[in-house]
Each structure stands twice: as structure tokens, then as C-alpha cells.
C-alpha atoms as a PDB file:
ATOM      1  CA  MET A   1     -23.628 -22.494  35.981  1.00  0.00           C
ATOM      2  CA  HIS A   2     -25.710 -24.049  33.182  1.00  0.00           C
ATOM      3  CA  ARG A   3     -28.780 -24.240  35.460  1.00  0.00           C
ATOM      4  CA  LYS A   4     -28.432 -20.558  36.400  1.00  0.00           C
ATOM      5  CA  LEU A   5     -28.399 -19.563  32.715  1.00  0.00           C
ATOM      6  CA  ILE A   6     -31.513 -21.641  32.017  1.00  0.00           C
ATOM      7  CA  LEU A   7     -33.274 -20.154  35.046  1.00  0.00           C
ATOM      8  CA  LEU A   8     -32.268 -16.627  33.992  1.00  0.00           C
ATOM      9  CA  ALA A   9     -33.496 -17.233  30.420  1.00  0.00           C
ATOM     10  CA  GLY A  10     -36.786 -18.565  31.808  1.00  0.00           C
ATOM     11  CA  ILE A  11     -37.276 -15.460  33.952  1.00  0.00           C
ATOM     12  CA  ILE A  12     -36.555 -13.164  30.995  1.00  0.00           C
ATOM     13  CA  LEU A  13     -39.065 -15.054  28.821  1.00  0.00           C
ATOM     14  CA  LEU A  14     -41.676 -14.862  31.573  1.00  0.00           C
ATOM     15  CA  LEU A  15     -41.177 -11.109  31.998  1.00  0.00           C
ATOM     16  CA  ASN A  16     -41.460 -10.579  28.237  1.00  0.00           C
ATOM     17  CA  TRP A  17     -44.657 -12.627  28.146  1.00  0.00           C
ATOM     18  CA  LEU A  18     -46.152 -10.649  31.030  1.00  0.00           C
ATOM     19  CA  THR A  19     -45.569  -7.362  29.196  1.00  0.00           C
ATOM     20  CA  VAL A  20     -47.093  -8.626  25.926  1.00  0.00           C
ATOM     21  CA  VAL A  21     -50.232 -10.338  27.227  1.00  0.00           C
ATOM     22  CA  PRO A  22     -51.927  -7.291  28.817  1.00  0.00           C
ATOM     23  CA  SER A  23     -51.699  -5.317  25.566  1.00  0.00           C
ATOM     24  CA  GLN A  24     -53.551  -8.102  23.745  1.00  0.00           C
ATOM     25  CA  ALA A  25     -56.251  -8.364  26.404  1.00  0.00           C
ATOM     26  CA  GLN A  26     -59.607  -6.756  25.860  1.00  0.00           C
ATOM     27  CA  GLU A  27     -60.744  -3.790  27.874  1.00  0.00           C
ATOM     28  CA  LYS A  28     -64.320  -3.727  29.142  1.00  0.00           C
ATOM     29  CA  ILE A  29     -65.736  -0.334  28.225  1.00  0.00           C
ATOM     30  CA  SER A  30     -69.001   1.355  29.156  1.00  0.00           C
ATOM     31  CA  TRP A  31     -71.496   3.532  27.334  1.00  0.00           C
ATOM     32  CA  GLU A  32     -70.652   6.241  29.851  1.00  0.00           C
ATOM     33  CA  GLN A  33     -67.108   6.394  28.475  1.00  0.00           C
ATOM     34  CA  LEU A  34     -68.466   6.858  24.956  1.00  0.00           C
ATOM     35  CA  LYS A  35     -70.220  10.075  25.971  1.00  0.00           C
ATOM     36  CA  ASP A  36     -66.865  11.860  25.666  1.00  0.00           C
ATOM     37  CA  VAL A  37     -67.793  13.323  22.279  1.00  0.00           C
ATOM     38  CA  LYS A  38     -69.252  16.543  20.930  1.00  0.00           C
ATOM     39  CA  PHE A  39     -70.851  17.097  17.533  1.00  0.00           C
ATOM     40  CA  LYS A  40     -70.138  19.880  15.090  1.00  0.00           C
ATOM     41  CA  ARG A  41     -72.330  20.649  12.074  1.00  0.00           C
ATOM     42  CA  LYS A  42     -70.368  20.646   8.844  1.00  0.00           C
ATOM     43  CA  TYR A  43     -71.243  20.737   5.201  1.00  0.00           C
ATOM     44  CA  ASN A  44     -70.981  17.543   3.146  1.00  0.00           C
ATOM     45  CA  ALA A  45     -70.529  18.346  -0.556  1.00  0.00           C
ATOM     46  CA  TYR A  46     -71.549  14.887  -1.783  1.00  0.00           C
ATOM     47  CA  TYR A  47     -74.993  15.165  -0.174  1.00  0.00           C
ATOM     48  CA  ASN A  48     -75.157  18.968  -0.385  1.00  0.00           C
ATOM     49  CA  ALA A  49     -76.291  19.020   3.238  1.00  0.00           C
ATOM     50  CA  LEU A  50     -75.180  19.764   6.783  1.00  0.00           C
ATOM     51  CA  PHE A  51     -74.340  16.800   9.029  1.00  0.00           C
ATOM     52  CA  ASN A  52     -73.286  16.393  12.646  1.00  0.00           C
ATOM     53  CA  PHE A  53     -69.678  15.206  12.692  1.00  0.00           C
ATOM     54  CA  PRO A  54     -68.158  13.825  15.905  1.00  0.00           C
ATOM     55  CA  VAL A  55     -65.307  15.539  17.702  1.00  0.00           C
ATOM     56  CA  PHE A  56     -63.951  12.876  20.035  1.00  0.00           C
ATOM     57  CA  GLY A  57     -62.661  13.611  23.514  1.00  0.00           C
ATOM     58  CA  ASN A  58     -59.377  12.263  24.850  1.00  0.00           C
ATOM     59  CA  LYS A  59     -61.014   9.412  26.800  1.00  0.00           C
ATOM     60  CA  VAL A  60     -62.567   8.055  23.617  1.00  0.00           C
ATOM     61  CA  LYS A  61     -59.458   8.670  21.504  1.00  0.00           C
ATOM     62  CA  GLU A  62     -57.473   6.480  23.913  1.00  0.00           C
ATOM     63  CA  LEU A  63     -59.741   3.531  23.029  1.00  0.00           C
ATOM     64  CA  ALA A  64     -59.130   3.754  19.270  1.00  0.00           C
ATOM     65  CA  GLY A  65     -57.550   0.598  17.893  1.00  0.00           C
ATOM     66  CA  LYS A  66     -57.817  -1.296  21.192  1.00  0.00           C
ATOM     67  CA  GLN A  67     -59.474  -4.645  21.765  1.00  0.00           C
ATOM     68  CA  VAL A  68     -62.571  -3.873  23.826  1.00  0.00           C
ATOM     69  CA  SER A  69     -65.799  -5.473  24.938  1.00  0.00           C
ATOM     70  CA  LEU A  70     -69.134  -3.732  25.325  1.00  0.00           C
ATOM     71  CA  THR A  71     -72.575  -4.861  26.455  1.00  0.00           C
ATOM     72  CA  GLY A  72     -75.770  -3.512  24.952  1.00  0.00           C
ATOM     73  CA  TYR A  73     -78.994  -4.111  23.074  1.00  0.00           C
ATOM     74  CA  VAL A  74     -78.783  -5.592  19.585  1.00  0.00           C
ATOM     75  CA  ILE A  75     -80.478  -3.663  16.786  1.00  0.00           C
ATOM     76  CA  PRO A  76     -80.781  -5.630  13.543  1.00  0.00           C
ATOM     77  CA  LEU A  77     -80.472  -3.330  10.531  1.00  0.00           C
ATOM     78  CA  ASP A  78     -80.208  -5.899   7.717  1.00  0.00           C
ATOM     79  CA  VAL A  79     -80.254  -9.481   9.011  1.00  0.00           C
ATOM     80  CA  VAL A  80     -79.857 -10.989   5.544  1.00  0.00           C
ATOM     81  CA  ASN A  81     -76.505  -9.259   5.100  1.00  0.00           C
ATOM     82  CA  GLY A  82     -75.518  -9.448   8.784  1.00  0.00           C
ATOM     83  CA  VAL A  83     -75.691  -5.710   9.488  1.00  0.00           C
ATOM     84  CA  TYR A  84     -76.264  -4.969  13.165  1.00  0.00           C
ATOM     85  CA  ALA A  85     -75.770  -2.215  15.701  1.00  0.00           C
ATOM     86  CA  LEU A  86     -75.331  -2.328  19.456  1.00  0.00           C
ATOM     87  CA  SER A  87     -77.163   0.261  21.532  1.00  0.00           C
ATOM     88  CA  ALA A  88     -76.955   1.516  25.101  1.00  0.00           C
ATOM     89  CA  VAL A  89     -80.755   1.489  25.257  1.00  0.00           C
ATOM     90  CA  PRO A  90     -83.495  -0.762  23.851  1.00  0.00           C
ATOM     91  CA  TYR A  91     -84.795  -0.261  20.317  1.00  0.00           C
ATOM     92  CA  ASN A  92     -87.818   1.842  21.306  1.00  0.00           C
ATOM     93  CA  MET A  93     -85.495   4.386  22.987  1.00  0.00           C
ATOM     94  CA  CYS A  94     -82.556   4.207  20.571  1.00  0.00           C
ATOM     95  CA  PHE A  95     -80.829   6.863  18.528  1.00  0.00           C
ATOM     96  CA  PHE A  96     -82.956   6.084  15.455  1.00  0.00           C
ATOM     97  CA  CYS A  97     -86.158   6.663  17.396  1.00  0.00           C
ATOM     98  CA  GLY A  98     -85.093   9.982  18.899  1.00  0.00           C
ATOM     99  CA  GLY A  99     -84.650   8.797  22.487  1.00  0.00           C
ATOM    100  CA  ALA A 100     -80.848   8.925  22.633  1.00  0.00           C
ATOM    101  CA  GLY A 101     -77.842  10.464  20.924  1.00  0.00           C
ATOM    102  CA  PRO A 102     -75.521   9.037  18.257  1.00  0.00           C
ATOM    103  CA  GLU A 103     -72.933   8.258  20.950  1.00  0.00           C
ATOM    104  CA  SER A 104     -75.310   5.613  22.322  1.00  0.00           C
ATOM    105  CA  VAL A 105     -74.999   3.290  19.323  1.00  0.00           C
ATOM    106  CA  LEU A 106     -72.124   1.390  17.771  1.00  0.00           C
ATOM    107  CA  GLY A 107     -71.856  -0.445  14.451  1.00  0.00           C
ATOM    108  CA  LEU A 108     -70.899  -4.118  14.558  1.00  0.00           C
ATOM    109  CA  ILE A 109     -68.703  -5.562  11.826  1.00  0.00           C
ATOM    110  CA  PHE A 110     -68.422  -9.285  12.459  1.00  0.00           C
ATOM    111  CA  SER A 111     -65.288 -11.303  11.847  1.00  0.00           C
ATOM    112  CA  LYS A 112     -67.494 -14.200  10.707  1.00  0.00           C
ATOM    113  CA  THR A 113     -71.066 -14.229   9.535  1.00  0.00           C
ATOM    114  CA  GLY A 114     -73.389 -16.735  11.028  1.00  0.00           C
ATOM    115  CA  ARG A 115     -75.827 -16.321  13.845  1.00  0.00           C
ATOM    116  CA  ARG A 116     -78.806 -14.023  13.468  1.00  0.00           C
ATOM    117  CA  TYR A 117     -79.525 -11.792  16.437  1.00  0.00           C
ATOM    118  CA  ARG A 118     -82.931 -10.655  17.646  1.00  0.00           C
ATOM    119  CA  THR A 119     -83.956  -7.100  18.420  1.00  0.00           C
ATOM    120  CA  ASP A 120     -83.108  -6.103  21.994  1.00  0.00           C
ATOM    121  CA  GLU A 121     -81.030  -9.169  22.823  1.00  0.00           C
ATOM    122  CA  TYR A 122     -78.806  -7.913  25.645  1.00  0.00           C
ATOM    123  CA  LEU A 123     -75.353  -9.225  24.743  1.00  0.00           C
ATOM    124  CA  THR A 124     -71.657  -8.526  25.035  1.00  0.00           C
ATOM    125  CA  PHE A 125     -69.396  -8.298  22.001  1.00  0.00           C
ATOM    126  CA  LYS A 126     -65.645  -7.900  21.762  1.00  0.00           C
ATOM    127  CA  GLY A 127     -63.540  -6.564  18.921  1.00  0.00           C
ATOM    128  CA  LYS A 128     -61.338  -3.734  17.702  1.00  0.00           C
ATOM    129  CA  PHE A 129     -62.709  -0.294  18.571  1.00  0.00           C
ATOM    130  CA  LYS A 130     -62.708   2.175  15.682  1.00  0.00           C
ATOM    131  CA  LEU A 131     -63.585   5.872  15.554  1.00  0.00           C
ATOM    132  CA  ASN A 132     -65.308   7.339  12.505  1.00  0.00           C
ATOM    133  CA  ALA A 133     -65.274  11.125  12.180  1.00  0.00           C
ATOM    134  CA  THR A 134     -65.792  11.420   8.412  1.00  0.00           C
ATOM    135  CA  ASP A 135     -68.100   8.793   6.890  1.00  0.00           C
ATOM    136  CA  VAL A 136     -71.693  10.050   7.228  1.00  0.00           C
ATOM    137  CA  GLU A 137     -73.006   6.658   6.091  1.00  0.00           C
ATOM    138  CA  ASN A 138     -71.602   4.857   9.096  1.00  0.00           C
ATOM    139  CA  PHE A 139     -71.678   5.084  12.889  1.00  0.00           C
ATOM    140  CA  SER A 140     -69.298   7.285  14.880  1.00  0.00           C
ATOM    141  CA  TYR A 141     -68.223   4.168  16.790  1.00  0.00           C
ATOM    142  CA  ILE A 142     -67.550   0.832  15.131  1.00  0.00           C
ATOM    143  CA  LEU A 143     -66.560  -2.516  16.589  1.00  0.00           C
ATOM    144  CA  GLU A 144     -64.554  -4.353  13.906  1.00  0.00           C
ATOM    145  CA  GLU A 145     -63.887  -8.098  13.972  1.00  0.00           C
ATOM    146  CA  ALA A 146     -66.807  -8.334  16.401  1.00  0.00           C
ATOM    147  CA  VAL A 147     -67.352 -11.615  18.196  1.00  0.00           C
ATOM    148  CA  LEU A 148     -70.075 -12.543  20.667  1.00  0.00           C
ATOM    149  CA  VAL A 149     -68.736 -13.019  24.206  1.00  0.00           C
ATOM    150  CA  PRO A 150     -70.366 -16.100  25.719  1.00  0.00           C
ATOM    151  CA  SER A 151     -72.327 -15.329  28.875  1.00  0.00           C
END
């Protein structure tokens, strides 16, 4: 009888573990998924100007708060302070240069500072996916607690 109880407890623990682990796993996302967004021009009183604000589609909303990984081209913005972006396309075609839309770039907020990245390094990062629909001084997509995924 004692063995059956131990075996039953072990099975219950295993089933609980199996239901918890997938929710903590990272989801590999693609730039194609991030195209599920439209932009609406709205007035910003602080800047006294019109800005394009994102209106996220359901596919993108489902990613909010999840641990994800994404591969793209690194764009250094301020290497001294560790400010970087990740882009679907190389620097010469990126959002800043007029070759792509704002949905093709994502801000990286690193969990630890350290390594400096070069322009157009093609790398994968993982972290917590965040949507930004209000702050005009930041990207529409942000990867918080970003960490480089070893290749």
C-alpha cells in the first residue's frame, strides 16, 4: 500500500511539472507574426504633433508578456549605454532608413549589460515580449530581460 501511495504521488508531481514547464518555455516568433499591426495617427500634446500609434492585432496581443525568441539584425543605437534594436532587415534597409515599417524593429532591454554588438550581426535573443502603444519615445515592440541565445 505504501509503495502505491509513493508511486501515485510521483505521478501527480510529474503531471504538475509537465503542465508548468511549457508555460515557462520560450516561443520562437517570426517577423511575419509581428506584421499583425496597423497604425493610427493621433495627436501627442507633449510634442504638439501627430504620431503613428500602433493598434495591435490579436496574433500580436497573444504574445504580450510571453517569453519569446527572435532572430534579426542588430542595430546599435548607443553602444556606450547598451541601447540596441533588433531588425528584420539589415541596417541599410531598416525602419530608420525608410526601407521598412516600424513593425520590423524591436527594442532590446538587456537583463545584464556587457557585450557590445556590431551593426548587422545576425543573432537570436530571448526575453519577455512587451507591446508599447503609448510611448512615442520607444519602439512598438520591446524585448525585456533580453539575453543572447548561443548559436
